[in-house]
Protein backbone atom coordinates (compact mmCIF):
# COMPACT_ATOMS: atom_id res chain seq x y z
CA MET A 1 123.32 106.81 100.14
CA ARG A 2 126.43 107.67 97.25
CA PRO A 3 125.39 108.12 93.99
CA ALA A 4 125.91 103.99 93.07
CA HIS A 5 124.26 103.22 95.79
CA ILE A 6 121.06 105.56 94.65
CA LEU A 7 121.28 103.42 91.61
CA VAL A 8 121.93 100.29 92.14
CA GLY A 9 121.19 100.02 96.00
CA THR A 10 122.63 99.37 99.38
CA THR A 11 123.09 95.75 98.38
CA GLY A 12 125.08 96.53 95.04
CA ASP A 13 123.54 93.24 93.75
CA GLU A 14 121.96 93.68 90.28
CA SER A 15 121.55 89.93 89.89
CA ALA A 16 119.20 89.75 92.59
CA SER A 17 115.94 91.36 91.04
CA PRO A 18 112.95 91.34 92.49
CA THR A 19 110.38 88.45 91.10
CA ILE A 20 107.26 89.67 89.28
CA ARG A 21 104.14 87.56 88.98
CA ARG A 22 101.37 87.40 86.05
CA VAL A 23 98.10 89.89 87.09
CA GLY A 24 94.79 89.90 86.41
CA VAL A 25 91.70 91.84 86.62
CA ALA A 26 90.76 90.69 89.80
CA ASP A 27 94.19 91.71 91.24
CA LEU A 28 93.22 95.27 89.72
CA PHE A 29 89.46 95.01 91.84
CA HIS A 30 90.93 93.12 95.07
CA ALA A 31 93.66 96.33 95.48
CA LEU A 32 90.72 98.95 94.96
CA ALA A 33 89.02 97.03 97.37
CA ARG A 34 92.17 96.78 100.21
CA GLY A 35 92.54 100.54 99.30
CA ILE A 36 89.26 101.60 100.23
CA ASP A 37 89.53 99.50 103.32
CA ASP A 38 93.10 101.11 104.28
CA PHE A 39 91.53 104.39 103.99
CA ALA A 40 88.21 103.96 105.58
CA ALA A 41 90.77 102.58 108.31
CA MET A 42 93.50 105.39 107.68
CA PRO A 43 91.32 108.49 106.96
CA SER A 44 93.24 111.37 104.87
CA HIS A 45 91.30 113.15 102.90
CA ALA A 46 91.97 116.10 104.95
CA VAL A 47 95.74 116.25 104.55
CA PHE A 48 94.44 116.13 100.36
CA LEU A 49 92.27 118.79 101.52
CA CYS A 50 95.04 120.64 102.52
CA VAL A 51 96.79 120.16 99.63
CA ILE A 52 94.83 120.21 96.40
CA TYR A 53 93.01 123.71 97.42
CA PRO A 54 95.97 125.73 97.73
CA LEU A 55 96.98 124.48 94.30
CA LEU A 56 93.89 125.01 92.62
CA GLY A 57 93.91 128.46 94.96
CA ILE A 58 97.23 129.56 93.06
CA VAL A 59 96.20 128.21 89.34
CA LEU A 60 93.11 130.37 89.69
CA VAL A 61 95.02 133.66 90.84
CA GLY A 62 97.28 133.12 88.19
CA ILE A 63 94.48 132.74 85.88
CA THR A 64 92.78 136.55 87.29
CA PHE A 65 95.69 138.44 87.12
CA GLY A 66 96.39 137.41 83.43
CA TYR A 67 95.02 134.82 80.94
CA ALA A 68 98.24 133.77 80.03
CA MET A 69 97.93 130.80 81.90
CA LEU A 70 94.86 129.68 81.05
CA PRO A 71 95.37 127.65 78.12
CA LEU A 72 97.85 125.94 81.05
CA ALA A 73 94.98 125.52 83.45
CA PHE A 74 94.09 121.94 82.24
CA PRO A 75 97.50 120.91 81.58
CA ILE A 76 98.64 121.47 85.27
CA ALA A 77 95.53 119.76 86.31
CA ALA A 78 96.23 116.60 83.91
CA GLY A 79 99.73 116.66 84.72
CA PHE A 80 99.09 116.04 88.78
CA ALA A 81 98.68 112.88 88.12
CA LEU A 82 102.45 112.13 86.62
CA ILE A 83 103.77 113.31 89.84
CA GLY A 84 100.83 111.07 91.58
CA PRO A 85 103.37 108.20 92.45
CA LEU A 86 105.56 110.50 94.08
CA ALA A 87 102.51 112.09 96.03
CA ALA A 88 101.39 108.88 97.59
CA ILE A 89 104.24 108.29 98.88
CA GLY A 90 103.18 108.41 102.38
CA LEU A 91 100.02 106.37 101.65
CA TYR A 92 102.67 103.36 100.62
CA GLU A 93 104.41 103.47 104.02
CA LEU A 94 100.97 103.46 105.92
CA SER A 95 99.65 100.54 104.26
CA ARG A 96 102.75 98.59 104.52
CA ARG A 97 102.97 99.02 108.22
CA ARG A 98 98.93 98.16 108.60
CA GLU A 99 99.65 95.22 106.11
CA ALA A 100 102.44 94.35 108.95
CA GLY A 101 100.33 95.24 111.88
CA LEU A 102 102.61 97.89 113.11
CA ASP A 103 101.26 101.71 114.23
CA SER A 104 99.69 103.05 111.17
CA ALA A 105 99.08 106.72 112.49
CA SER A 106 99.12 109.30 110.05
CA ASN A 107 102.48 110.79 111.56
CA HIS A 108 104.19 107.49 110.53
CA ALA A 109 103.91 108.75 107.05
CA LEU A 110 106.74 110.78 107.48
CA ASP A 111 108.56 107.42 108.01
CA VAL A 112 109.28 107.56 104.76
CA LEU A 113 112.48 110.37 105.25
CA HIS A 114 113.89 107.44 107.23
CA SER A 115 114.03 104.79 104.58
CA PRO A 116 117.30 103.44 103.22
CA SER A 117 116.56 104.49 99.93
CA LEU A 118 115.43 107.67 100.38
CA GLY A 119 117.89 108.96 97.69
CA ALA A 120 116.38 106.68 94.55
CA VAL A 121 112.47 108.04 95.86
CA VAL A 122 114.30 111.63 95.64
CA ALA A 123 115.82 110.81 91.99
CA LEU A 124 112.90 108.78 90.93
CA GLY A 125 110.83 112.13 92.15
CA LEU A 126 112.84 114.64 90.40
CA LEU A 127 112.48 112.08 87.13
CA LEU A 128 108.83 112.84 87.28
CA MET A 129 108.77 116.34 87.92
CA ALA A 130 111.24 116.96 84.84
CA ILE A 131 108.72 114.25 83.24
CA PHE A 132 105.65 117.15 84.58
CA LEU A 133 107.87 120.22 83.55
CA ILE A 134 108.60 118.86 79.48
CA TRP A 135 104.68 118.42 79.68
CA LEU A 136 103.60 121.49 80.51
CA ALA A 137 105.78 122.64 77.88
CA VAL A 138 104.83 120.66 75.13
CA ALA A 139 100.86 121.50 76.35
CA GLN A 140 102.00 124.70 75.14
CA ALA A 141 103.19 124.45 72.17
CA ILE A 142 100.96 123.00 70.89
CA TYR A 143 98.23 125.47 71.97
CA ILE A 144 100.88 127.90 70.29
CA ALA A 145 100.78 125.63 67.15
CA PHE A 146 96.92 125.95 67.21
CA PHE A 147 96.04 129.61 68.30
CA GLY A 148 99.59 131.18 68.26
CA TYR A 149 101.14 133.25 70.83
CA SER A 150 98.42 135.99 71.44
CA PRO A 151 96.89 134.68 75.16
CA PRO A 152 93.14 134.47 75.45
CA ALA A 153 90.67 137.91 75.62
CA SER A 154 88.70 136.56 78.17
CA ILE A 155 87.24 132.54 79.64
CA GLY A 156 84.47 132.55 77.51
CA GLY A 157 86.42 133.31 74.81
CA PHE A 158 88.84 130.65 75.24
CA VAL A 159 86.15 128.05 76.01
CA HIS A 160 84.13 129.07 72.77
CA ASP A 161 88.27 128.41 70.39
CA VAL A 162 88.53 125.03 72.34
CA PHE A 163 85.29 123.54 72.32
CA ALA A 164 83.46 125.40 69.01
CA THR A 165 86.68 126.06 66.55
CA ARG A 166 87.84 123.53 64.10
CA ALA A 167 91.44 124.61 65.24
CA GLY A 168 90.16 123.93 69.31
CA LEU A 169 88.69 120.41 67.95
CA TYR A 170 92.74 120.20 66.73
CA LEU A 171 93.86 121.03 69.90
CA ILE A 172 92.11 118.11 72.21
CA VAL A 173 92.41 115.28 69.71
CA VAL A 174 96.41 116.13 69.79
CA GLY A 175 96.58 117.18 73.17
CA THR A 176 94.68 114.17 74.30
CA GLY A 177 97.10 111.59 72.50
CA VAL A 178 100.36 113.42 73.48
CA GLY A 179 99.34 113.39 77.16
CA PHE A 180 98.33 109.75 76.78
CA LEU A 181 101.89 109.19 75.83
CA PHE A 182 102.89 111.11 78.68
CA ALA A 183 100.74 109.10 81.12
CA ALA A 184 101.75 105.27 79.48
CA VAL A 185 105.06 106.11 80.13
CA VAL A 186 104.75 107.50 84.10
CA LEU A 187 102.41 104.24 84.02
CA ALA A 188 105.66 102.15 83.34
CA ILE A 189 108.02 103.83 85.76
CA GLY A 190 106.16 104.30 88.46
CA VAL A 191 103.32 101.59 89.19
CA VAL A 192 105.41 99.20 91.52
CA SER A 193 108.65 101.56 91.57
CA PHE A 194 107.78 103.74 94.72
CA PRO A 195 106.24 101.01 96.46
CA LEU A 196 109.60 98.57 96.06
CA LEU A 197 111.88 101.21 97.06
CA LEU A 198 109.87 101.45 100.51
CA ASP A 199 110.04 97.94 101.39
CA ARG A 200 113.29 96.74 100.02
CA PRO A 201 116.51 98.37 99.56
CA VAL A 202 117.21 98.83 96.03
CA GLY A 203 118.29 101.82 93.92
CA ALA A 204 116.23 103.79 91.34
CA ALA A 205 117.43 101.76 88.45
CA VAL A 206 116.40 98.46 90.03
CA ALA A 207 112.50 99.69 90.89
CA LEU A 208 112.63 101.47 87.83
CA LEU A 209 113.39 98.49 85.33
CA THR A 210 111.26 95.97 88.03
CA SER A 211 107.75 98.73 87.07
CA ILE A 212 108.92 98.22 83.33
CA ARG A 213 109.14 94.50 83.75
CA VAL A 214 105.76 94.66 85.74
CA VAL A 215 103.99 96.32 82.53
CA ALA A 216 105.66 94.42 79.93
CA ALA A 217 104.17 90.95 81.49
CA ASN A 218 101.20 92.43 82.04
CA PRO A 219 100.19 95.07 79.15
CA LEU A 220 96.58 94.90 79.32
CA THR A 221 96.13 93.84 82.62
CA MET A 222 98.38 97.48 83.37
CA ALA A 223 96.43 99.34 80.29
CA LEU A 224 93.15 99.33 82.27
CA TRP A 225 94.69 99.98 85.75
CA GLY A 226 95.51 103.03 83.95
CA LEU A 227 92.55 103.74 82.55
CA ILE A 228 90.71 102.93 85.79
CA VAL A 229 92.93 105.50 87.56
CA ALA A 230 92.31 108.27 84.97
CA ALA A 231 88.63 107.67 85.14
CA LEU A 232 88.64 108.01 89.37
CA LEU A 233 90.76 110.97 88.86
CA ALA A 234 88.26 112.16 86.45
CA ILE A 235 85.19 111.56 88.16
CA GLY A 236 86.99 113.18 91.69
CA SER A 237 87.37 116.55 89.73
CA LEU A 238 83.55 116.98 90.56
CA PRO A 239 82.65 118.75 91.62
CA PHE A 240 85.56 121.60 92.18
CA PHE A 241 88.12 119.09 92.90
CA LEU A 242 86.66 117.72 95.79
CA GLY A 243 86.48 114.07 95.05
CA LEU A 244 89.99 113.75 95.02
CA THR A 245 90.82 114.03 98.60
CA VAL A 246 89.33 110.64 98.73
CA VAL A 247 90.38 109.54 95.23
CA VAL A 248 93.85 110.14 95.46
CA PRO A 249 94.03 108.14 98.90
CA VAL A 250 92.11 105.50 97.64
CA LEU A 251 94.44 105.17 94.81
CA GLY A 252 97.51 105.32 96.51
CA HIS A 253 96.69 102.86 98.80
CA ALA A 254 95.41 100.88 95.81
CA THR A 255 99.06 101.05 94.87
CA TRP A 256 100.36 99.41 97.33
CA HIS A 257 98.25 96.38 97.17
CA LEU A 258 98.44 95.97 93.21
CA TYR A 259 102.66 95.82 94.09
CA ARG A 260 102.27 93.09 96.77
CA ARG A 261 99.91 91.48 93.54
CA ALA A 262 102.37 91.83 90.82
CA VAL A 263 105.94 91.67 92.97
CA VAL A 264 107.16 87.95 95.08
CA PRO A 265 107.44 89.48 98.76
CA ASP A 266 111.30 89.91 99.72
CA PRO A 267 111.44 87.16 102.38
CA SER A 268 113.81 89.67 104.57
CA PRO A 269 112.02 92.45 105.07
CA ARG A 270 113.73 95.93 106.18
CA PRO A 271 113.84 96.61 109.17
CA ASP A 272 111.63 99.99 110.55
CA TYR A 273 112.28 102.75 111.79
CA ARG A 274 112.15 103.49 115.57
CA PRO A 275 113.10 106.88 116.54
CA ARG A 276 115.57 107.31 119.53
CA ALA A 277 114.11 107.96 123.11
CA LYS A 278 114.13 111.32 124.07
CA PRO A 279 115.43 112.03 127.71
CA PRO A 280 113.43 113.93 129.67
CA ARG A 281 114.29 117.01 130.23
CA SER A 282 114.11 120.28 132.83
CA ALA A 283 113.95 123.81 132.92
CA ALA A 284 117.40 124.11 133.86
CA ASP A 285 118.22 122.66 129.99
CA PHE A 286 117.61 125.82 128.99
CA PRO A 287 119.21 127.38 126.59
CA ALA A 288 121.68 125.18 126.48
CA ALA A 289 119.24 122.28 124.75
CA LEU A 290 118.83 124.76 122.29
CA PHE A 291 122.55 123.70 120.72
CA PRO A 292 122.09 120.48 118.76
CA THR A 293 125.67 120.17 119.68
CA ARG A 294 124.35 119.14 123.49
CA ARG A 295 123.81 115.47 123.80
């Protein structure tokens, strides 16, 4: 996909913006119910178990070898929600396929790699990663503003400083407020943008603006959705983040169904990726079959 197509899509028709709908509280609970149904039919908790726990292990190793990373432990855990819309893109694809009555085996989550909007998906994904890194830098700056550059002497001392001192109280209030602003920005640009990219050959700019339009047309409903997501992620973090292996997939599937409620379906859906059938091979093909130029 050329750079212009990454922004405006393969059609290049910016006037054909997706039509959005007003959504209410009932639509949110409908999306959650459908998300739970999709997860029950296509359980993917094992995948997120394999992803979440190595990430937690990296954080724990960093804390073990030096307490300098300790102030970033919570911002890192909370900041994963900022890249959640990208991390769940395979779940959107599975929900899309199940809704269309297609084979929804877990391997089809990788069909997103063949999407005509892949370049736009990558562009928006890089934007979310940039926001995540900026959040970590801001969180570190907030901690330094209240506690200075010296790293915590111990985990117990860090917990005491945060929860039993005036500076710690200010840190919690300011950090939560700034984190809320980052979360609001990501909600606005990501609530329907990635599902839209999978559903239609639009560009990153069209998807981003459509997501902002949905939030602008439904500010209270989308605010409630953001609170529901935050609450479920917080609940899923206990105990030891184990609940996230269920909460994250359910929210991913639910986001697809929320997109369906918020954006009028395209009358001409994109064609599905169909892998080419591979011809049978015999032992006589070796080693020529190892070379990609061979047909």
